[in-house]
Amino acid sequence: MTKTLLAEFTAREGAEDEVAALIRDYAVKVREEEGNLAFDVYTKAADSRAYWIFEVYRDEDAFKAHLDAPYGAPFNAALTPLIEEDASVLTFLDPLAGGPDQM
């Protein structure tokens, strides 16, 4: 079964451009991962500092490989002082029963 999640964070005022550059570079690397099926970066229409990142991995093993990727820790270390939260807020998602993943 796929591993799906939503990562959320808010860029600090004045750090918007740096956060955007970091996430753009990181997204390129994540999308190249063998087990990554989606890494879609959004900002809220009403607040461009608020990021929502929709991530889908082939399975739990692919997600674990993502977490172990050598560029993940440096990305998080660079991002943390630039966002309002202590870290990205992760929400893990399950497909609706009877949805495409269950058919």
PDB file of N, CA and C in Angstrom:
ATOM      1  N   MET A   1       0.842  -1.187   0.000  1.00  0.00           N
ATOM      2  CA  MET A   1       0.000   0.000   0.000  1.00  0.00           C
ATOM      3  C   MET A   1       0.886   1.250   0.000  1.00  0.00           C
ATOM      4  N   THR A   2       0.449   2.265  -0.701  1.00  0.00           N
ATOM      5  CA  THR A   2       1.227   3.496  -0.758  1.00  0.00           C
ATOM      6  C   THR A   2       1.269   4.179   0.608  1.00  0.00           C
ATOM      7  N   LYS A   3       2.294   5.001   0.804  1.00  0.00           N
ATOM      8  CA  LYS A   3       2.455   5.815   2.019  1.00  0.00           C
ATOM      9  C   LYS A   3       2.230   7.256   1.581  1.00  0.00           C
ATOM     10  N   THR A   4       1.193   7.876   2.135  1.00  0.00           N
ATOM     11  CA  THR A   4       0.786   9.215   1.711  1.00  0.00           C
ATOM     12  C   THR A   4       0.751  10.138   2.912  1.00  0.00           C
ATOM     13  N   LEU A   5       1.245  11.347   2.731  1.00  0.00           N
ATOM     14  CA  LEU A   5       1.229  12.304   3.819  1.00  0.00           C
ATOM     15  C   LEU A   5       1.156  13.732   3.326  1.00  0.00           C
ATOM     16  N   LEU A   6       0.785  14.601   4.242  1.00  0.00           N
ATOM     17  CA  LEU A   6       0.761  16.036   4.016  1.00  0.00           C
ATOM     18  C   LEU A   6       1.715  16.652   5.028  1.00  0.00           C
ATOM     19  N   ALA A   7       2.696  17.397   4.529  1.00  0.00           N
ATOM     20  CA  ALA A   7       3.629  18.120   5.404  1.00  0.00           C
ATOM     21  C   ALA A   7       3.265  19.596   5.342  1.00  0.00           C
ATOM     22  N   GLU A   8       3.190  20.222   6.510  1.00  0.00           N
ATOM     23  CA  GLU A   8       2.809  21.638   6.574  1.00  0.00           C
ATOM     24  C   GLU A   8       3.820  22.428   7.387  1.00  0.00           C
ATOM     25  N   PHE A   9       4.079  23.648   6.951  1.00  0.00           N
ATOM     26  CA  PHE A   9       4.891  24.582   7.724  1.00  0.00           C
ATOM     27  C   PHE A   9       4.644  25.984   7.201  1.00  0.00           C
ATOM     28  N   THR A  10       5.058  26.974   7.997  1.00  0.00           N
ATOM     29  CA  THR A  10       4.876  28.374   7.640  1.00  0.00           C
ATOM     30  C   THR A  10       6.228  29.074   7.670  1.00  0.00           C
ATOM     31  N   ALA A  11       6.590  29.690   6.554  1.00  0.00           N
ATOM     32  CA  ALA A  11       7.841  30.447   6.487  1.00  0.00           C
ATOM     33  C   ALA A  11       7.748  31.675   7.388  1.00  0.00           C
ATOM     34  N   ARG A  12       8.814  31.969   8.084  1.00  0.00           N
ATOM     35  CA  ARG A  12       8.860  33.189   8.897  1.00  0.00           C
ATOM     36  C   ARG A  12       8.844  34.403   7.967  1.00  0.00           C
ATOM     37  N   GLU A  13       8.303  35.498   8.454  1.00  0.00           N
ATOM     38  CA  GLU A  13       8.322  36.733   7.669  1.00  0.00           C
ATOM     39  C   GLU A  13       9.766  37.101   7.366  1.00  0.00           C
ATOM     40  N   GLY A  14      10.023  37.432   6.118  1.00  0.00           N
ATOM     41  CA  GLY A  14      11.363  37.782   5.684  1.00  0.00           C
ATOM     42  C   GLY A  14      12.167  36.608   5.163  1.00  0.00           C
ATOM     43  N   ALA A  15      11.698  35.378   5.410  1.00  0.00           N
ATOM     44  CA  ALA A  15      12.423  34.191   4.965  1.00  0.00           C
ATOM     45  C   ALA A  15      11.746  33.515   3.773  1.00  0.00           C
ATOM     46  N   GLU A  16      10.747  34.170   3.219  1.00  0.00           N
ATOM     47  CA  GLU A  16       9.949  33.557   2.159  1.00  0.00           C
ATOM     48  C   GLU A  16      10.792  33.098   0.965  1.00  0.00           C
ATOM     49  N   ASP A  17      11.676  33.956   0.486  1.00  0.00           N
ATOM     50  CA  ASP A  17      12.473  33.613  -0.702  1.00  0.00           C
ATOM     51  C   ASP A  17      13.440  32.470  -0.415  1.00  0.00           C
ATOM     52  N   GLU A  18      14.039  32.468   0.760  1.00  0.00           N
ATOM     53  CA  GLU A  18      14.980  31.403   1.120  1.00  0.00           C
ATOM     54  C   GLU A  18      14.261  30.065   1.265  1.00  0.00           C
ATOM     55  N   VAL A  19      13.089  30.077   1.878  1.00  0.00           N
ATOM     56  CA  VAL A  19      12.311  28.851   2.023  1.00  0.00           C
ATOM     57  C   VAL A  19      11.894  28.328   0.646  1.00  0.00           C
ATOM     58  N   ALA A  20      11.436  29.203  -0.220  1.00  0.00           N
ATOM     59  CA  ALA A  20      11.018  28.787  -1.564  1.00  0.00           C
ATOM     60  C   ALA A  20      12.179  28.151  -2.317  1.00  0.00           C
ATOM     61  N   ALA A  21      13.359  28.737  -2.229  1.00  0.00           N
ATOM     62  CA  ALA A  21      14.530  28.173  -2.914  1.00  0.00           C
ATOM     63  C   ALA A  21      14.899  26.806  -2.338  1.00  0.00           C
ATOM     64  N   LEU A  22      14.876  26.689  -1.015  1.00  0.00           N
ATOM     65  CA  LEU A  22      15.197  25.411  -0.370  1.00  0.00           C
ATOM     66  C   LEU A  22      14.234  24.308  -0.795  1.00  0.00           C
ATOM     67  N   ILE A  23      12.948  24.611  -0.771  1.00  0.00           N
ATOM     68  CA  ILE A  23      11.963  23.572  -1.072  1.00  0.00           C
ATOM     69  C   ILE A  23      11.989  23.218  -2.554  1.00  0.00           C
ATOM     70  N   ARG A  24      12.276  24.186  -3.410  1.00  0.00           N
ATOM     71  CA  ARG A  24      12.388  23.867  -4.847  1.00  0.00           C
ATOM     72  C   ARG A  24      13.540  22.889  -5.092  1.00  0.00           C
ATOM     73  N   ASP A  25      14.687  23.160  -4.503  1.00  0.00           N
ATOM     74  CA  ASP A  25      15.850  22.280  -4.672  1.00  0.00           C
ATOM     75  C   ASP A  25      15.588  20.897  -4.084  1.00  0.00           C
ATOM     76  N   TYR A  26      14.984  20.867  -2.910  1.00  0.00           N
ATOM     77  CA  TYR A  26      14.690  19.604  -2.244  1.00  0.00           C
ATOM     78  C   TYR A  26      13.686  18.790  -3.062  1.00  0.00           C
ATOM     79  N   ALA A  27      12.678  19.445  -3.605  1.00  0.00           N
ATOM     80  CA  ALA A  27      11.652  18.749  -4.380  1.00  0.00           C
ATOM     81  C   ALA A  27      12.257  18.030  -5.582  1.00  0.00           C
ATOM     82  N   VAL A  28      13.225  18.651  -6.233  1.00  0.00           N
ATOM     83  CA  VAL A  28      13.881  18.009  -7.383  1.00  0.00           C
ATOM     84  C   VAL A  28      14.518  16.696  -6.954  1.00  0.00           C
ATOM     85  N   LYS A  29      15.200  16.699  -5.819  1.00  0.00           N
ATOM     86  CA  LYS A  29      15.871  15.489  -5.326  1.00  0.00           C
ATOM     87  C   LYS A  29      14.869  14.415  -4.931  1.00  0.00           C
ATOM     88  N   VAL A  30      13.827  14.799  -4.213  1.00  0.00           N
ATOM     89  CA  VAL A  30      12.839  13.825  -3.750  1.00  0.00           C
ATOM     90  C   VAL A  30      12.127  13.190  -4.941  1.00  0.00           C
ATOM     91  N   ARG A  31      11.783  13.994  -5.937  1.00  0.00           N
ATOM     92  CA  ARG A  31      11.072  13.459  -7.106  1.00  0.00           C
ATOM     93  C   ARG A  31      11.912  12.448  -7.884  1.00  0.00           C
ATOM     94  N   GLU A  32      13.226  12.485  -7.699  1.00  0.00           N
ATOM     95  CA  GLU A  32      14.115  11.528  -8.369  1.00  0.00           C
ATOM     96  C   GLU A  32      14.236  10.206  -7.614  1.00  0.00           C
ATOM     97  N   GLU A  33      13.734  10.149  -6.385  1.00  0.00           N
ATOM     98  CA  GLU A  33      13.794   8.916  -5.609  1.00  0.00           C
ATOM     99  C   GLU A  33      12.974   7.830  -6.302  1.00  0.00           C
ATOM    100  N   GLU A  34      13.525   6.640  -6.330  1.00  0.00           N
ATOM    101  CA  GLU A  34      12.869   5.519  -7.011  1.00  0.00           C
ATOM    102  C   GLU A  34      11.451   5.272  -6.497  1.00  0.00           C
ATOM    103  N   GLY A  35      11.244   5.369  -5.190  1.00  0.00           N
ATOM    104  CA  GLY A  35       9.946   5.059  -4.604  1.00  0.00           C
ATOM    105  C   GLY A  35       9.013   6.234  -4.453  1.00  0.00           C
ATOM    106  N   ASN A  36       9.407   7.417  -4.916  1.00  0.00           N
ATOM    107  CA  ASN A  36       8.532   8.586  -4.797  1.00  0.00           C
ATOM    108  C   ASN A  36       7.555   8.614  -5.960  1.00  0.00           C
ATOM    109  N   LEU A  37       6.268   8.742  -5.645  1.00  0.00           N
ATOM    110  CA  LEU A  37       5.233   8.822  -6.666  1.00  0.00           C
ATOM    111  C   LEU A  37       4.708  10.243  -6.839  1.00  0.00           C
ATOM    112  N   ALA A  38       4.831  11.067  -5.791  1.00  0.00           N
ATOM    113  CA  ALA A  38       4.392  12.460  -5.866  1.00  0.00           C
ATOM    114  C   ALA A  38       5.077  13.264  -4.775  1.00  0.00           C
ATOM    115  N   PHE A  39       5.456  14.479  -5.122  1.00  0.00           N
ATOM    116  CA  PHE A  39       5.970  15.446  -4.152  1.00  0.00           C
ATOM    117  C   PHE A  39       5.537  16.807  -4.685  1.00  0.00           C
ATOM    118  N   ASP A  40       4.304  17.195  -4.328  1.00  0.00           N
ATOM    119  CA  ASP A  40       3.669  18.391  -4.862  1.00  0.00           C
ATOM    120  C   ASP A  40       3.660  19.483  -3.799  1.00  0.00           C
ATOM    121  N   VAL A  41       4.271  20.606  -4.129  1.00  0.00           N
ATOM    122  CA  VAL A  41       4.424  21.709  -3.186  1.00  0.00           C
ATOM    123  C   VAL A  41       3.388  22.791  -3.494  1.00  0.00           C
ATOM    124  N   TYR A  42       2.658  23.198  -2.454  1.00  0.00           N
ATOM    125  CA  TYR A  42       1.638  24.237  -2.581  1.00  0.00           C
ATOM    126  C   TYR A  42       1.843  25.285  -1.500  1.00  0.00           C
ATOM    127  N   THR A  43       1.352  26.483  -1.785  1.00  0.00           N
ATOM    128  CA  THR A  43       1.178  27.490  -0.744  1.00  0.00           C
ATOM    129  C   THR A  43      -0.311  27.813  -0.696  1.00  0.00           C
ATOM    130  N   LYS A  44      -0.760  28.232   0.465  1.00  0.00           N
ATOM    131  CA  LYS A  44      -2.165  28.608   0.602  1.00  0.00           C
ATOM    132  C   LYS A  44      -2.425  29.863  -0.236  1.00  0.00           C
ATOM    133  N   ALA A  45      -3.543  29.893  -0.907  1.00  0.00           N
ATOM    134  CA  ALA A  45      -3.906  31.063  -1.710  1.00  0.00           C
ATOM    135  C   ALA A  45      -4.021  32.313  -0.834  1.00  0.00           C
ATOM    136  N   ALA A  46      -4.495  32.146   0.396  1.00  0.00           N
ATOM    137  CA  ALA A  46      -4.699  33.282   1.292  1.00  0.00           C
ATOM    138  C   ALA A  46      -3.448  33.649   2.090  1.00  0.00           C
ATOM    139  N   ASP A  47      -2.408  32.815   2.044  1.00  0.00           N
ATOM    140  CA  ASP A  47      -1.192  33.078   2.822  1.00  0.00           C
ATOM    141  C   ASP A  47      -0.022  32.361   2.156  1.00  0.00           C
ATOM    142  N   SER A  48       0.719  33.060   1.328  1.00  0.00           N
ATOM    143  CA  SER A  48       1.802  32.442   0.555  1.00  0.00           C
ATOM    144  C   SER A  48       2.971  31.972   1.416  1.00  0.00           C
ATOM    145  N   ARG A  49       2.969  32.308   2.707  1.00  0.00           N
ATOM    146  CA  ARG A  49       4.017  31.797   3.602  1.00  0.00           C
ATOM    147  C   ARG A  49       3.678  30.404   4.125  1.00  0.00           C
ATOM    148  N   ALA A  50       2.415  29.979   3.994  1.00  0.00           N
ATOM    149  CA  ALA A  50       1.949  28.686   4.503  1.00  0.00           C
ATOM    150  C   ALA A  50       2.090  27.629   3.406  1.00  0.00           C
ATOM    151  N   TYR A  51       2.922  26.631   3.666  1.00  0.00           N
ATOM    152  CA  TYR A  51       3.206  25.569   2.707  1.00  0.00           C
ATOM    153  C   TYR A  51       2.464  24.292   3.057  1.00  0.00           C
ATOM    154  N   TRP A  52       1.985  23.630   2.023  1.00  0.00           N
ATOM    155  CA  TRP A  52       1.417  22.291   2.114  1.00  0.00           C
ATOM    156  C   TRP A  52       2.131  21.454   1.077  1.00  0.00           C
ATOM    157  N   ILE A  53       2.705  20.339   1.493  1.00  0.00           N
ATOM    158  CA  ILE A  53       3.421  19.458   0.581  1.00  0.00           C
ATOM    159  C   ILE A  53       2.752  18.090   0.629  1.00  0.00           C
ATOM    160  N   PHE A  54       2.227  17.678  -0.507  1.00  0.00           N
ATOM    161  CA  PHE A  54       1.550  16.395  -0.648  1.00  0.00           C
ATOM    162  C   PHE A  54       2.573  15.391  -1.151  1.00  0.00           C
ATOM    163  N   GLU A  55       2.809  14.326  -0.363  1.00  0.00           N
ATOM    164  CA  GLU A  55       3.835  13.342  -0.691  1.00  0.00           C
ATOM    165  C   GLU A  55       3.221  11.947  -0.782  1.00  0.00           C
ATOM    166  N   VAL A  56       3.633  11.200  -1.794  1.00  0.00           N
ATOM    167  CA  VAL A  56       3.191   9.816  -1.939  1.00  0.00           C
ATOM    168  C   VAL A  56       4.414   8.970  -2.269  1.00  0.00           C
ATOM    169  N   TYR A  57       4.563   7.872  -1.525  1.00  0.00           N
ATOM    170  CA  TYR A  57       5.655   6.921  -1.734  1.00  0.00           C
ATOM    171  C   TYR A  57       5.056   5.562  -2.069  1.00  0.00           C
ATOM    172  N   ARG A  58       5.777   4.786  -2.830  1.00  0.00           N
ATOM    173  CA  ARG A  58       5.307   3.484  -3.311  1.00  0.00           C
ATOM    174  C   ARG A  58       4.809   2.603  -2.160  1.00  0.00           C
ATOM    175  N   ASP A  59       5.543   2.611  -1.043  1.00  0.00           N
ATOM    176  CA  ASP A  59       5.194   1.784   0.105  1.00  0.00           C
ATOM    177  C   ASP A  59       6.010   2.255   1.306  1.00  0.00           C
ATOM    178  N   GLU A  60       5.882   1.555   2.411  1.00  0.00           N
ATOM    179  CA  GLU A  60       6.597   1.932   3.648  1.00  0.00           C
ATOM    180  C   GLU A  60       8.113   1.904   3.439  1.00  0.00           C
ATOM    181  N   ASP A  61       8.620   0.921   2.719  1.00  0.00           N
ATOM    182  CA  ASP A  61      10.063   0.833   2.475  1.00  0.00           C
ATOM    183  C   ASP A  61      10.562   2.039   1.682  1.00  0.00           C
ATOM    184  N   ALA A  62       9.796   2.473   0.699  1.00  0.00           N
ATOM    185  CA  ALA A  62      10.184   3.652  -0.090  1.00  0.00           C
ATOM    186  C   ALA A  62      10.188   4.896   0.788  1.00  0.00           C
ATOM    187  N   PHE A  63       9.216   4.987   1.712  1.00  0.00           N
ATOM    188  CA  PHE A  63       9.184   6.126   2.630  1.00  0.00           C
ATOM    189  C   PHE A  63      10.390   6.100   3.563  1.00  0.00           C
ATOM    190  N   LYS A  64      10.741   4.917   4.064  1.00  0.00           N
ATOM    191  CA  LYS A  64      11.924   4.801   4.924  1.00  0.00           C
ATOM    192  C   LYS A  64      13.188   5.186   4.164  1.00  0.00           C
ATOM    193  N   ALA A  65      13.285   4.786   2.895  1.00  0.00           N
ATOM    194  CA  ALA A  65      14.436   5.172   2.075  1.00  0.00           C
ATOM    195  C   ALA A  65      14.482   6.690   1.913  1.00  0.00           C
ATOM    196  N   HIS A  66      13.323   7.302   1.766  1.00  0.00           N
ATOM    197  CA  HIS A  66      13.255   8.774   1.680  1.00  0.00           C
ATOM    198  C   HIS A  66      13.798   9.403   2.968  1.00  0.00           C
ATOM    199  N   LEU A  67      13.376   8.876   4.099  1.00  0.00           N
ATOM    200  CA  LEU A  67      13.832   9.425   5.378  1.00  0.00           C
ATOM    201  C   LEU A  67      15.339   9.257   5.561  1.00  0.00           C
ATOM    202  N   ASP A  68      15.906   8.218   4.967  1.00  0.00           N
ATOM    203  CA  ASP A  68      17.338   7.948   5.093  1.00  0.00           C
ATOM    204  C   ASP A  68      18.188   8.628   4.023  1.00  0.00           C
ATOM    205  N   ALA A  69      17.557   9.331   3.086  1.00  0.00           N
ATOM    206  CA  ALA A  69      18.306   9.980   2.007  1.00  0.00           C
ATOM    207  C   ALA A  69      19.293  10.989   2.593  1.00  0.00           C
ATOM    208  N   PRO A  70      20.502  11.080   2.042  1.00  0.00           N
ATOM    209  CA  PRO A  70      21.543  11.929   2.623  1.00  0.00           C
ATOM    210  C   PRO A  70      21.250  13.425   2.577  1.00  0.00           C
ATOM    211  N   TYR A  71      20.329  13.863   1.765  1.00  0.00           N
ATOM    212  CA  TYR A  71      20.022  15.291   1.653  1.00  0.00           C
ATOM    213  C   TYR A  71      18.877  15.714   2.568  1.00  0.00           C
ATOM    214  N   GLY A  72      18.209  14.767   3.224  1.00  0.00           N
ATOM    215  CA  GLY A  72      17.075  15.097   4.083  1.00  0.00           C
ATOM    216  C   GLY A  72      17.457  15.874   5.332  1.00  0.00           C
ATOM    217  N   ALA A  73      18.453  15.378   6.071  1.00  0.00           N
ATOM    218  CA  ALA A  73      18.863  16.056   7.313  1.00  0.00           C
ATOM    219  C   ALA A  73      19.398  17.462   7.044  1.00  0.00           C
ATOM    220  N   PRO A  74      20.254  17.667   6.033  1.00  0.00           N
ATOM    221  CA  PRO A  74      20.700  19.037   5.750  1.00  0.00           C
ATOM    222  C   PRO A  74      19.547  19.969   5.356  1.00  0.00           C
ATOM    223  N   PHE A  75      18.580  19.431   4.613  1.00  0.00           N
ATOM    224  CA  PHE A  75      17.412  20.248   4.246  1.00  0.00           C
ATOM    225  C   PHE A  75      16.660  20.672   5.503  1.00  0.00           C
ATOM    226  N   ASN A  76      16.356  19.716   6.377  1.00  0.00           N
ATOM    227  CA  ASN A  76      15.613  20.035   7.602  1.00  0.00           C
ATOM    228  C   ASN A  76      16.386  20.977   8.507  1.00  0.00           C
ATOM    229  N   ALA A  77      17.696  20.817   8.585  1.00  0.00           N
ATOM    230  CA  ALA A  77      18.520  21.713   9.406  1.00  0.00           C
ATOM    231  C   ALA A  77      18.484  23.139   8.872  1.00  0.00           C
ATOM    232  N   ALA A  78      18.473  23.270   7.552  1.00  0.00           N
ATOM    233  CA  ALA A  78      18.414  24.603   6.946  1.00  0.00           C
ATOM    234  C   ALA A  78      17.015  25.206   7.056  1.00  0.00           C
ATOM    235  N   LEU A  79      15.991  24.365   6.966  1.00  0.00           N
ATOM    236  CA  LEU A  79      14.613  24.847   6.993  1.00  0.00           C
ATOM    237  C   LEU A  79      14.153  25.270   8.383  1.00  0.00           C
ATOM    238  N   THR A  80      14.506  24.520   9.400  1.00  0.00           N
ATOM    239  CA  THR A  80      13.966  24.720  10.753  1.00  0.00           C
ATOM    240  C   THR A  80      14.058  26.160  11.259  1.00  0.00           C
ATOM    241  N   PRO A  81      15.204  26.852  11.138  1.00  0.00           N
ATOM    242  CA  PRO A  81      15.235  28.228  11.645  1.00  0.00           C
ATOM    243  C   PRO A  81      14.452  29.226  10.782  1.00  0.00           C
ATOM    244  N   LEU A  82      13.990  28.784   9.624  1.00  0.00           N
ATOM    245  CA  LEU A  82      13.285  29.672   8.698  1.00  0.00           C
ATOM    246  C   LEU A  82      11.770  29.538   8.777  1.00  0.00           C
ATOM    247  N   ILE A  83      11.277  28.608   9.629  1.00  0.00           N
ATOM    248  CA  ILE A  83       9.833  28.397   9.723  1.00  0.00           C
ATOM    249  C   ILE A  83       9.334  28.672  11.142  1.00  0.00           C
ATOM    250  N   GLU A  84       8.050  28.906  11.252  1.00  0.00           N
ATOM    251  CA  GLU A  84       7.452  29.251  12.545  1.00  0.00           C
ATOM    252  C   GLU A  84       7.321  28.050  13.474  1.00  0.00           C
ATOM    253  N   GLU A  85       7.115  26.878  12.910  1.00  0.00           N
ATOM    254  CA  GLU A  85       6.957  25.672  13.715  1.00  0.00           C
ATOM    255  C   GLU A  85       8.331  25.122  14.108  1.00  0.00           C
ATOM    256  N   ASP A  86       8.345  24.199  15.069  1.00  0.00           N
ATOM    257  CA  ASP A  86       9.601  23.560  15.453  1.00  0.00           C
ATOM    258  C   ASP A  86      10.117  22.639  14.352  1.00  0.00           C
ATOM    259  N   ALA A  87       9.200  22.117  13.530  1.00  0.00           N
ATOM    260  CA  ALA A  87       9.517  21.241  12.402  1.00  0.00           C
ATOM    261  C   ALA A  87       8.261  21.167  11.538  1.00  0.00           C
ATOM    262  N   SER A  88       8.391  20.565  10.365  1.00  0.00           N
ATOM    263  CA  SER A  88       7.203  20.352   9.531  1.00  0.00           C
ATOM    264  C   SER A  88       6.194  19.520  10.312  1.00  0.00           C
ATOM    265  N   VAL A  89       4.930  19.869  10.181  1.00  0.00           N
ATOM    266  CA  VAL A  89       3.855  19.119  10.819  1.00  0.00           C
ATOM    267  C   VAL A  89       3.385  18.079   9.799  1.00  0.00           C
ATOM    268  N   LEU A  90       3.502  16.803  10.162  1.00  0.00           N
ATOM    269  CA  LEU A  90       3.159  15.724   9.249  1.00  0.00           C
ATOM    270  C   LEU A  90       1.809  15.127   9.593  1.00  0.00           C
ATOM    271  N   THR A  91       0.988  14.930   8.577  1.00  0.00           N
ATOM    272  CA  THR A  91      -0.294  14.252   8.709  1.00  0.00           C
ATOM    273  C   THR A  91      -0.279  13.087   7.733  1.00  0.00           C
ATOM    274  N   PHE A  92      -0.342  11.870   8.258  1.00  0.00           N
ATOM    275  CA  PHE A  92      -0.351  10.683   7.408  1.00  0.00           C
ATOM    276  C   PHE A  92      -1.790  10.406   6.985  1.00  0.00           C
ATOM    277  N   LEU A  93      -1.962  10.046   5.727  1.00  0.00           N
ATOM    278  CA  LEU A  93      -3.285   9.888   5.140  1.00  0.00           C
ATOM    279  C   LEU A  93      -3.507   8.447   4.684  1.00  0.00           C
ATOM    280  N   ASP A  94      -4.738   7.991   4.814  1.00  0.00           N
ATOM    281  CA  ASP A  94      -5.145   6.685   4.308  1.00  0.00           C
ATOM    282  C   ASP A  94      -6.191   6.925   3.223  1.00  0.00           C
ATOM    283  N   PRO A  95      -6.176   6.096   2.174  1.00  0.00           N
ATOM    284  CA  PRO A  95      -7.188   6.240   1.133  1.00  0.00           C
ATOM    285  C   PRO A  95      -8.568   5.848   1.664  1.00  0.00           C
ATOM    286  N   LEU A  96      -9.561   6.443   1.102  1.00  0.00           N
ATOM    287  CA  LEU A  96     -10.942   6.109   1.454  1.00  0.00           C
ATOM    288  C   LEU A  96     -11.211   4.663   1.061  1.00  0.00           C
ATOM    289  N   ALA A  97     -11.796   3.895   1.973  1.00  0.00           N
ATOM    290  CA  ALA A  97     -12.114   2.488   1.692  1.00  0.00           C
ATOM    291  C   ALA A  97     -12.958   2.406   0.426  1.00  0.00           C
ATOM    292  N   GLY A  98     -12.574   1.506  -0.457  1.00  0.00           N
ATOM    293  CA  GLY A  98     -13.296   1.356  -1.709  1.00  0.00           C
ATOM    294  C   GLY A  98     -12.803   2.304  -2.787  1.00  0.00           C
ATOM    295  N   GLY A  99     -11.778   3.138  -2.428  1.00  0.00           N
ATOM    296  CA  GLY A  99     -11.226   4.075  -3.390  1.00  0.00           C
ATOM    297  C   GLY A  99     -10.267   3.362  -4.345  1.00  0.00           C
ATOM    298  N   PRO A 100      -9.619   4.094  -5.223  1.00  0.00           N
ATOM    299  CA  PRO A 100      -8.747   3.497  -6.243  1.00  0.00           C
ATOM    300  C   PRO A 100      -7.669   2.574  -5.703  1.00  0.00           C
ATOM    301  N   ASP A 101      -7.110   2.862  -4.519  1.00  0.00           N
ATOM    302  CA  ASP A 101      -6.069   1.997  -3.950  1.00  0.00           C
ATOM    303  C   ASP A 101      -6.635   0.653  -3.484  1.00  0.00           C
ATOM    304  N   GLN A 102      -7.943   0.565  -3.254  1.00  0.00           N
ATOM    305  CA  GLN A 102      -8.534  -0.677  -2.765  1.00  0.00           C
ATOM    306  C   GLN A 102      -9.227  -1.472  -3.869  1.00  0.00           C
ATOM    307  N   MET A 103      -9.252  -0.982  -5.061  1.00  0.00           N
ATOM    308  CA  MET A 103      -9.953  -1.683  -6.150  1.00  0.00           C
ATOM    309  C   MET A 103      -9.029  -2.561  -6.931  1.00  0.00           C
TER     310      MET A 103
END
